[in-house]
């Protein structure tokens, strides 16, 4: 299977082309209208600032990326374990889903100050915020993947001599992997948002801190450059998940070309 035949990869290519066209239009319209640079800088100016501040942005993005990946990893482990518990102990499903839905409905910008008070200005509060934003889609998709299996398939597995462990690893888990992979495409940007929100509230490094500093200095071009860094980082993160699907989940129907 060719990589470009992958629907997700094809969508990324199309999105990149559309983005390039949008940037070209932005440049042309900006030059024609002479928009103030401190309000809407030209893409050429943003590109120049991006290159000039690349080292600094990389330093700050490293801190944000670390908090994002740690929060996402924690959400993946806890979300899948909770989903397994719900599948095998159906009586707790309502309680777990209600608690997670309640936490998910709370604006994270509202609880971020509490996390800073409880855990300080260090990386811990950013990781926990990333975890809180990422866990709900991971849990919901994991429950769907682990639980929505045809009863006939489970019965056939038992008749074939499969014990609970083999049924879990060979049937339930394999069925759930595509769902979990899809959840990561949603959870990764959410985890990044959580980390950045934590940096907005309190911190002395991270891409969120860099954006706030640029805002105070009315350096709009740097704000846009930082947003570009965030976009690239998010695209790379989702791309890693897409690559995982291409390499290890080629058997799922959406990955086939025929």
C-alpha atoms as a PDB file:
ATOM      1  CA  UNK A   1       0.000   0.000   0.000  1.00  0.00           C
ATOM      2  CA  UNK A   2       1.416   3.342  -1.012  1.00  0.00           C
ATOM      3  CA  UNK A   3       1.639   5.995   1.684  1.00  0.00           C
ATOM      4  CA  UNK A   4      -0.241   8.528  -0.461  1.00  0.00           C
ATOM      5  CA  UNK A   5      -3.124   6.069  -0.771  1.00  0.00           C
ATOM      6  CA  UNK A   6      -3.706   6.439   2.957  1.00  0.00           C
ATOM      7  CA  UNK A   7      -6.800   8.691   3.371  1.00  0.00           C
ATOM      8  CA  UNK A   8      -5.330  10.483   6.390  1.00  0.00           C
ATOM      9  CA  UNK A   9      -2.080  11.251   4.556  1.00  0.00           C
ATOM     10  CA  UNK A  10      -4.002  12.437   1.505  1.00  0.00           C
ATOM     11  CA  UNK A  11      -6.044  14.772   3.705  1.00  0.00           C
ATOM     12  CA  UNK A  12      -2.864  16.213   5.207  1.00  0.00           C
ATOM     13  CA  UNK A  13      -1.456  16.918   1.742  1.00  0.00           C
ATOM     14  CA  UNK A  14      -4.679  18.614   0.648  1.00  0.00           C
ATOM     15  CA  UNK A  15      -4.763  20.679   3.838  1.00  0.00           C
ATOM     16  CA  UNK A  16      -1.155  21.766   3.264  1.00  0.00           C
ATOM     17  CA  UNK A  17      -1.960  22.933  -0.262  1.00  0.00           C
ATOM     18  CA  UNK A  18      -5.019  24.853   0.955  1.00  0.00           C
ATOM     19  CA  UNK A  19      -2.928  26.433   3.736  1.00  0.00           C
ATOM     20  CA  UNK A  20      -0.287  27.556   1.224  1.00  0.00           C
ATOM     21  CA  UNK A  21      -2.967  29.191  -0.948  1.00  0.00           C
ATOM     22  CA  UNK A  22      -4.394  30.975   2.103  1.00  0.00           C
ATOM     23  CA  UNK A  23      -0.954  32.325   3.049  1.00  0.00           C
ATOM     24  CA  UNK A  24      -0.386  33.613  -0.490  1.00  0.00           C
ATOM     25  CA  UNK A  25      -3.730  35.437  -0.435  1.00  0.00           C
ATOM     26  CA  UNK A  26      -2.915  36.865   3.002  1.00  0.00           C
ATOM     27  CA  UNK A  27       0.385  38.244   1.690  1.00  0.00           C
ATOM     28  CA  UNK A  28      -1.200  39.836  -1.366  1.00  0.00           C
ATOM     29  CA  UNK A  29      -4.168  41.345   0.484  1.00  0.00           C
ATOM     30  CA  UNK A  30      -1.924  42.605   3.290  1.00  0.00           C
ATOM     31  CA  UNK A  31       0.375  44.398   0.860  1.00  0.00           C
ATOM     32  CA  UNK A  32      -2.548  45.954  -0.984  1.00  0.00           C
ATOM     33  CA  UNK A  33      -4.349  47.191   2.148  1.00  0.00           C
ATOM     34  CA  UNK A  34      -1.213  48.259   4.073  1.00  0.00           C
ATOM     35  CA  UNK A  35      -2.576  46.796   7.315  1.00  0.00           C
ATOM     36  CA  UNK A  36      -0.656  47.940  10.438  1.00  0.00           C
ATOM     37  CA  UNK A  37       2.083  45.459  11.300  1.00  0.00           C
ATOM     38  CA  UNK A  38       1.234  45.426  15.015  1.00  0.00           C
ATOM     39  CA  UNK A  39      -2.299  44.276  14.164  1.00  0.00           C
ATOM     40  CA  UNK A  40      -1.941  41.885  11.220  1.00  0.00           C
ATOM     41  CA  UNK A  41       1.679  41.337  10.161  1.00  0.00           C
ATOM     42  CA  UNK A  42       2.452  39.982   6.719  1.00  0.00           C
ATOM     43  CA  UNK A  43       3.300  36.272   6.389  1.00  0.00           C
ATOM     44  CA  UNK A  44       6.766  37.295   5.148  1.00  0.00           C
ATOM     45  CA  UNK A  45       7.345  39.223   8.386  1.00  0.00           C
ATOM     46  CA  UNK A  46       6.046  36.296  10.457  1.00  0.00           C
ATOM     47  CA  UNK A  47       8.385  33.966   8.577  1.00  0.00           C
ATOM     48  CA  UNK A  48      11.349  36.274   9.246  1.00  0.00           C
ATOM     49  CA  UNK A  49      10.529  36.407  12.977  1.00  0.00           C
ATOM     50  CA  UNK A  50       9.996  32.652  13.049  1.00  0.00           C
ATOM     51  CA  UNK A  51      13.469  32.015  11.632  1.00  0.00           C
ATOM     52  CA  UNK A  52      15.120  34.634  13.838  1.00  0.00           C
ATOM     53  CA  UNK A  53      13.545  33.312  17.052  1.00  0.00           C
ATOM     54  CA  UNK A  54      13.639  29.629  16.104  1.00  0.00           C
ATOM     55  CA  UNK A  55      16.158  28.652  18.797  1.00  0.00           C
ATOM     56  CA  UNK A  56      14.203  30.421  21.527  1.00  0.00           C
ATOM     57  CA  UNK A  57      10.926  28.930  20.321  1.00  0.00           C
ATOM     58  CA  UNK A  58      12.465  25.466  20.224  1.00  0.00           C
ATOM     59  CA  UNK A  59      13.536  25.875  23.848  1.00  0.00           C
ATOM     60  CA  UNK A  60      10.060  26.931  24.966  1.00  0.00           C
ATOM     61  CA  UNK A  61       8.319  24.366  22.756  1.00  0.00           C
ATOM     62  CA  UNK A  62      10.464  21.657  24.318  1.00  0.00           C
ATOM     63  CA  UNK A  63       9.007  22.450  27.747  1.00  0.00           C
ATOM     64  CA  UNK A  64       5.469  22.569  26.384  1.00  0.00           C
ATOM     65  CA  UNK A  65       5.987  19.387  24.370  1.00  0.00           C
ATOM     66  CA  UNK A  66       7.306  17.511  27.396  1.00  0.00           C
ATOM     67  CA  UNK A  67       4.248  18.458  29.467  1.00  0.00           C
ATOM     68  CA  UNK A  68       1.961  17.571  26.558  1.00  0.00           C
ATOM     69  CA  UNK A  69       3.478  14.135  25.927  1.00  0.00           C
ATOM     70  CA  UNK A  70       3.572  13.284  29.641  1.00  0.00           C
ATOM     71  CA  UNK A  71      -0.047  14.346  30.102  1.00  0.00           C
ATOM     72  CA  UNK A  72      -1.104  12.414  27.005  1.00  0.00           C
ATOM     73  CA  UNK A  73       0.763   9.283  28.104  1.00  0.00           C
ATOM     74  CA  UNK A  74      -0.863   9.492  31.533  1.00  0.00           C
ATOM     75  CA  UNK A  75      -4.293   9.956  29.926  1.00  0.00           C
ATOM     76  CA  UNK A  76      -3.669   6.959  27.663  1.00  0.00           C
ATOM     77  CA  UNK A  77      -2.739   4.664  30.549  1.00  0.00           C
ATOM     78  CA  UNK A  78      -5.478   5.824  32.931  1.00  0.00           C
ATOM     79  CA  UNK A  79      -8.129   6.074  30.194  1.00  0.00           C
ATOM     80  CA  UNK A  80      -7.507   2.543  28.883  1.00  0.00           C
ATOM     81  CA  UNK A  81      -7.343   1.062  32.396  1.00  0.00           C
ATOM     82  CA  UNK A  82     -10.610   2.749  33.339  1.00  0.00           C
ATOM     83  CA  UNK A  83     -12.186   1.466  30.115  1.00  0.00           C
ATOM     84  CA  UNK A  84     -11.046  -2.083  30.929  1.00  0.00           C
ATOM     85  CA  UNK A  85     -12.517  -1.758  34.421  1.00  0.00           C
ATOM     86  CA  UNK A  86     -15.824  -0.525  32.992  1.00  0.00           C
ATOM     87  CA  UNK A  87     -15.997  -3.382  30.466  1.00  0.00           C
ATOM     88  CA  UNK A  88     -15.385  -6.103  33.048  1.00  0.00           C
ATOM     89  CA  UNK A  89     -17.303  -4.425  35.883  1.00  0.00           C
ATOM     90  CA  UNK A  90     -20.323  -2.920  34.134  1.00  0.00           C
ATOM     91  CA  UNK A  91     -21.857  -1.735  37.434  1.00  0.00           C
ATOM     92  CA  UNK A  92     -19.302   1.094  37.725  1.00  0.00           C
ATOM     93  CA  UNK A  93     -19.761   2.361  34.146  1.00  0.00           C
ATOM     94  CA  UNK A  94     -22.381   4.958  35.037  1.00  0.00           C
ATOM     95  CA  UNK A  95     -20.372   6.376  37.935  1.00  0.00           C
ATOM     96  CA  UNK A  96     -17.086   6.560  36.023  1.00  0.00           C
ATOM     97  CA  UNK A  97     -18.676   8.100  32.926  1.00  0.00           C
ATOM     98  CA  UNK A  98     -20.552  10.665  35.023  1.00  0.00           C
ATOM     99  CA  UNK A  99     -17.425  11.738  36.913  1.00  0.00           C
ATOM    100  CA  UNK A 100     -15.334  12.045  33.741  1.00  0.00           C
ATOM    101  CA  UNK A 101     -18.089  13.908  31.912  1.00  0.00           C
ATOM    102  CA  UNK A 102     -18.391  16.314  34.846  1.00  0.00           C
ATOM    103  CA  UNK A 103     -14.651  16.993  34.857  1.00  0.00           C
ATOM    104  CA  UNK A 104     -14.683  17.370  31.088  1.00  0.00           C
ATOM    105  CA  UNK A 105     -17.453  19.990  31.252  1.00  0.00           C
ATOM    106  CA  UNK A 106     -15.489  22.241  33.612  1.00  0.00           C
ATOM    107  CA  UNK A 107     -13.588  24.996  31.738  1.00  0.00           C
ATOM    108  CA  UNK A 108      -9.941  24.147  32.319  1.00  0.00           C
ATOM    109  CA  UNK A 109      -9.010  27.819  32.419  1.00  0.00           C
ATOM    110  CA  UNK A 110     -11.121  27.962  35.603  1.00  0.00           C
ATOM    111  CA  UNK A 111      -9.295  25.150  37.408  1.00  0.00           C
ATOM    112  CA  UNK A 112      -5.819  26.080  36.155  1.00  0.00           C
ATOM    113  CA  UNK A 113      -5.255  28.639  38.976  1.00  0.00           C
ATOM    114  CA  UNK A 114      -6.112  25.938  41.535  1.00  0.00           C
ATOM    115  CA  UNK A 115      -3.539  23.601  40.007  1.00  0.00           C
ATOM    116  CA  UNK A 116      -0.920  26.338  40.192  1.00  0.00           C
ATOM    117  CA  UNK A 117      -1.771  26.904  43.857  1.00  0.00           C
ATOM    118  CA  UNK A 118      -1.706  23.185  44.669  1.00  0.00           C
ATOM    119  CA  UNK A 119       1.273  22.094  42.564  1.00  0.00           C
ATOM    120  CA  UNK A 120       3.233  25.308  42.048  1.00  0.00           C
ATOM    121  CA  UNK A 121       4.601  26.905  38.903  1.00  0.00           C
ATOM    122  CA  UNK A 122       6.544  23.813  37.849  1.00  0.00           C
ATOM    123  CA  UNK A 123       5.836  21.257  35.169  1.00  0.00           C
ATOM    124  CA  UNK A 124       3.442  19.228  37.351  1.00  0.00           C
ATOM    125  CA  UNK A 125       0.460  21.575  36.955  1.00  0.00           C
ATOM    126  CA  UNK A 126       0.898  21.650  33.166  1.00  0.00           C
ATOM    127  CA  UNK A 127       1.051  17.852  32.954  1.00  0.00           C
ATOM    128  CA  UNK A 128      -2.112  17.480  35.023  1.00  0.00           C
ATOM    129  CA  UNK A 129      -4.000  19.999  32.895  1.00  0.00           C
ATOM    130  CA  UNK A 130      -2.880  18.189  29.746  1.00  0.00           C
ATOM    131  CA  UNK A 131      -4.025  14.923  31.341  1.00  0.00           C
ATOM    132  CA  UNK A 132      -7.458  16.306  32.226  1.00  0.00           C
ATOM    133  CA  UNK A 133      -8.153  17.526  28.709  1.00  0.00           C
ATOM    134  CA  UNK A 134      -6.931  14.343  27.039  1.00  0.00           C
ATOM    135  CA  UNK A 135      -8.434  11.587  29.181  1.00  0.00           C
ATOM    136  CA  UNK A 136     -12.093  11.870  28.146  1.00  0.00           C
ATOM    137  CA  UNK A 137     -11.729  11.077  24.409  1.00  0.00           C
ATOM    138  CA  UNK A 138      -9.265   8.284  25.221  1.00  0.00           C
ATOM    139  CA  UNK A 139     -11.650   6.728  27.733  1.00  0.00           C
ATOM    140  CA  UNK A 140     -14.761   6.992  25.541  1.00  0.00           C
ATOM    141  CA  UNK A 141     -13.069   5.531  22.466  1.00  0.00           C
ATOM    142  CA  UNK A 142     -11.447   2.775  24.513  1.00  0.00           C
ATOM    143  CA  UNK A 143     -14.789   1.756  25.986  1.00  0.00           C
ATOM    144  CA  UNK A 144     -16.289   1.662  22.488  1.00  0.00           C
ATOM    145  CA  UNK A 145     -13.438  -0.379  21.048  1.00  0.00           C
ATOM    146  CA  UNK A 146     -13.246  -2.840  23.928  1.00  0.00           C
ATOM    147  CA  UNK A 147     -16.975  -3.251  24.383  1.00  0.00           C
ATOM    148  CA  UNK A 148     -18.698  -3.045  21.003  1.00  0.00           C
ATOM    149  CA  UNK A 149     -17.793  -6.514  19.774  1.00  0.00           C
ATOM    150  CA  UNK A 150     -20.255  -8.966  18.276  1.00  0.00           C
ATOM    151  CA  UNK A 151     -21.359 -11.514  20.884  1.00  0.00           C
ATOM    152  CA  UNK A 152     -20.960 -14.278  18.309  1.00  0.00           C
ATOM    153  CA  UNK A 153     -17.284 -13.428  17.981  1.00  0.00           C
ATOM    154  CA  UNK A 154     -16.774 -13.672  21.749  1.00  0.00           C
ATOM    155  CA  UNK A 155     -18.691 -16.946  21.886  1.00  0.00           C
ATOM    156  CA  UNK A 156     -16.644 -18.367  19.029  1.00  0.00           C
ATOM    157  CA  UNK A 157     -13.438 -17.365  20.833  1.00  0.00           C
ATOM    158  CA  UNK A 158     -14.573 -19.219  23.962  1.00  0.00           C
ATOM    159  CA  UNK A 159     -15.603 -22.289  21.983  1.00  0.00           C
ATOM    160  CA  UNK A 160     -12.153 -22.271  20.343  1.00  0.00           C
ATOM    161  CA  UNK A 161     -10.594 -22.642  23.780  1.00  0.00           C
ATOM    162  CA  UNK A 162      -9.695 -19.038  24.485  1.00  0.00           C
ATOM    163  CA  UNK A 163      -9.465 -17.972  28.113  1.00  0.00           C
ATOM    164  CA  UNK A 164     -10.268 -14.459  29.322  1.00  0.00           C
ATOM    165  CA  UNK A 165      -6.678 -13.240  28.868  1.00  0.00           C
ATOM    166  CA  UNK A 166      -6.390 -14.523  25.298  1.00  0.00           C
ATOM    167  CA  UNK A 167      -9.814 -13.143  24.411  1.00  0.00           C
ATOM    168  CA  UNK A 168      -8.763  -9.770  25.804  1.00  0.00           C
ATOM    169  CA  UNK A 169      -5.408  -9.607  23.997  1.00  0.00           C
ATOM    170  CA  UNK A 170      -6.445 -11.240  20.711  1.00  0.00           C
ATOM    171  CA  UNK A 171     -10.007  -9.991  20.319  1.00  0.00           C
ATOM    172  CA  UNK A 172     -10.915  -7.037  22.540  1.00  0.00           C
ATOM    173  CA  UNK A 173      -7.575  -5.217  22.467  1.00  0.00           C
ATOM    174  CA  UNK A 174      -7.029  -5.712  18.743  1.00  0.00           C
ATOM    175  CA  UNK A 175     -10.553  -4.445  18.087  1.00  0.00           C
ATOM    176  CA  UNK A 176      -9.910  -1.419  20.325  1.00  0.00           C
ATOM    177  CA  UNK A 177      -6.531  -0.358  18.872  1.00  0.00           C
ATOM    178  CA  UNK A 178      -8.004   1.594  15.916  1.00  0.00           C
ATOM    179  CA  UNK A 179     -10.397   3.371  18.280  1.00  0.00           C
ATOM    180  CA  UNK A 180      -7.564   4.266  20.653  1.00  0.00           C
ATOM    181  CA  UNK A 181      -5.452   5.535  17.747  1.00  0.00           C
ATOM    182  CA  UNK A 182      -8.328   7.735  16.597  1.00  0.00           C
ATOM    183  CA  UNK A 183      -8.750   9.074  20.124  1.00  0.00           C
ATOM    184  CA  UNK A 184      -5.095  10.115  20.217  1.00  0.00           C
ATOM    185  CA  UNK A 185      -5.618  12.317  17.153  1.00  0.00           C
ATOM    186  CA  UNK A 186      -8.163  14.245  19.212  1.00  0.00           C
ATOM    187  CA  UNK A 187      -6.443  13.962  22.588  1.00  0.00           C
ATOM    188  CA  UNK A 188      -3.028  15.205  21.435  1.00  0.00           C
ATOM    189  CA  UNK A 189      -4.172  18.734  20.484  1.00  0.00           C
ATOM    190  CA  UNK A 190      -6.316  18.848  23.636  1.00  0.00           C
ATOM    191  CA  UNK A 191      -3.338  17.886  25.801  1.00  0.00           C
ATOM    192  CA  UNK A 192      -1.308  20.631  24.110  1.00  0.00           C
ATOM    193  CA  UNK A 193      -4.053  23.145  24.896  1.00  0.00           C
ATOM    194  CA  UNK A 194      -4.004  22.039  28.534  1.00  0.00           C
ATOM    195  CA  UNK A 195      -0.247  22.525  28.800  1.00  0.00           C
ATOM    196  CA  UNK A 196      -0.430  25.969  27.190  1.00  0.00           C
ATOM    197  CA  UNK A 197      -3.293  27.039  29.473  1.00  0.00           C
ATOM    198  CA  UNK A 198      -1.122  26.094  32.446  1.00  0.00           C
ATOM    199  CA  UNK A 199       1.691  28.220  31.048  1.00  0.00           C
ATOM    200  CA  UNK A 200      -0.695  31.147  30.583  1.00  0.00           C
ATOM    201  CA  UNK A 201      -1.688  30.998  34.239  1.00  0.00           C
ATOM    202  CA  UNK A 202       1.780  30.610  35.699  1.00  0.00           C
ATOM    203  CA  UNK A 203       5.253  29.691  34.554  1.00  0.00           C
ATOM    204  CA  UNK A 204       8.509  31.101  33.286  1.00  0.00           C
ATOM    205  CA  UNK A 205       8.964  28.969  30.189  1.00  0.00           C
ATOM    206  CA  UNK A 206       6.932  27.226  27.528  1.00  0.00           C
ATOM    207  CA  UNK A 207       5.311  28.373  24.303  1.00  0.00           C
ATOM    208  CA  UNK A 208       2.366  29.800  26.259  1.00  0.00           C
ATOM    209  CA  UNK A 209       4.759  31.933  28.308  1.00  0.00           C
ATOM    210  CA  UNK A 210       6.428  33.098  25.080  1.00  0.00           C
ATOM    211  CA  UNK A 211       3.053  34.132  23.616  1.00  0.00           C
ATOM    212  CA  UNK A 212       2.187  36.121  26.750  1.00  0.00           C
ATOM    213  CA  UNK A 213       5.568  37.861  26.674  1.00  0.00           C
ATOM    214  CA  UNK A 214       5.078  38.776  23.013  1.00  0.00           C
ATOM    215  CA  UNK A 215       1.588  40.060  23.771  1.00  0.00           C
ATOM    216  CA  UNK A 216       2.851  42.365  26.530  1.00  0.00           C
ATOM    217  CA  UNK A 217       5.472  43.728  24.121  1.00  0.00           C
ATOM    218  CA  UNK A 218       2.899  44.151  21.299  1.00  0.00           C
ATOM    219  CA  UNK A 219       5.046  41.844  19.180  1.00  0.00           C
ATOM    220  CA  UNK A 220       2.216  40.437  17.065  1.00  0.00           C
ATOM    221  CA  UNK A 221       4.580  38.830  14.577  1.00  0.00           C
ATOM    222  CA  UNK A 222       6.129  36.761  17.353  1.00  0.00           C
ATOM    223  CA  UNK A 223       2.664  35.686  18.527  1.00  0.00           C
ATOM    224  CA  UNK A 224       1.900  34.435  15.017  1.00  0.00           C
ATOM    225  CA  UNK A 225       5.326  32.777  14.811  1.00  0.00           C
ATOM    226  CA  UNK A 226       4.626  30.951  18.080  1.00  0.00           C
ATOM    227  CA  UNK A 227       1.231  29.876  16.747  1.00  0.00           C
ATOM    228  CA  UNK A 228       3.011  28.518  13.692  1.00  0.00           C
ATOM    229  CA  UNK A 229       5.309  26.507  15.962  1.00  0.00           C
ATOM    230  CA  UNK A 230       2.273  25.123  17.785  1.00  0.00           C
ATOM    231  CA  UNK A 231       0.652  24.188  14.467  1.00  0.00           C
ATOM    232  CA  UNK A 232       3.771  22.384  13.264  1.00  0.00           C
ATOM    233  CA  UNK A 233       4.138  20.543  16.578  1.00  0.00           C
ATOM    234  CA  UNK A 234       0.483  19.463  16.541  1.00  0.00           C
ATOM    235  CA  UNK A 235       0.756  18.296  12.941  1.00  0.00           C
ATOM    236  CA  UNK A 236       3.853  16.260  13.757  1.00  0.00           C
ATOM    237  CA  UNK A 237       2.155  14.715  16.788  1.00  0.00           C
ATOM    238  CA  UNK A 238      -0.904  13.668  14.807  1.00  0.00           C
ATOM    239  CA  UNK A 239       1.422  12.525  12.025  1.00  0.00           C
ATOM    240  CA  UNK A 240       3.117  10.110  14.417  1.00  0.00           C
ATOM    241  CA  UNK A 241      -0.270   8.531  15.146  1.00  0.00           C
ATOM    242  CA  UNK A 242      -1.033   8.329  11.410  1.00  0.00           C
ATOM    243  CA  UNK A 243       2.343   6.671  10.823  1.00  0.00           C
ATOM    244  CA  UNK A 244       1.585   4.160  13.581  1.00  0.00           C
ATOM    245  CA  UNK A 245      -1.706   3.345  11.856  1.00  0.00           C
ATOM    246  CA  UNK A 246       0.042   2.924   8.515  1.00  0.00           C
ATOM    247  CA  UNK A 247       2.742   0.628   9.925  1.00  0.00           C
ATOM    248  CA  UNK A 248       0.754  -1.463  12.398  1.00  0.00           C
ATOM    249  CA  UNK A 249      -2.955  -1.056  11.651  1.00  0.00           C
ATOM    250  CA  UNK A 250      -2.951  -1.675   7.912  1.00  0.00           C
ATOM    251  CA  UNK A 251      -5.572  -4.366   8.396  1.00  0.00           C
ATOM    252  CA  UNK A 252      -8.307  -1.916   9.437  1.00  0.00           C
ATOM    253  CA  UNK A 253     -10.812  -1.193   6.639  1.00  0.00           C
ATOM    254  CA  UNK A 254     -10.051   2.564   6.518  1.00  0.00           C
ATOM    255  CA  UNK A 255      -6.384   1.811   5.787  1.00  0.00           C
ATOM    256  CA  UNK A 256      -7.085  -0.412   2.794  1.00  0.00           C
ATOM    257  CA  UNK A 257      -6.971   0.833  -0.763  1.00  0.00           C
ATOM    258  CA  UNK A 258      -9.358  -1.782  -2.175  1.00  0.00           C
END
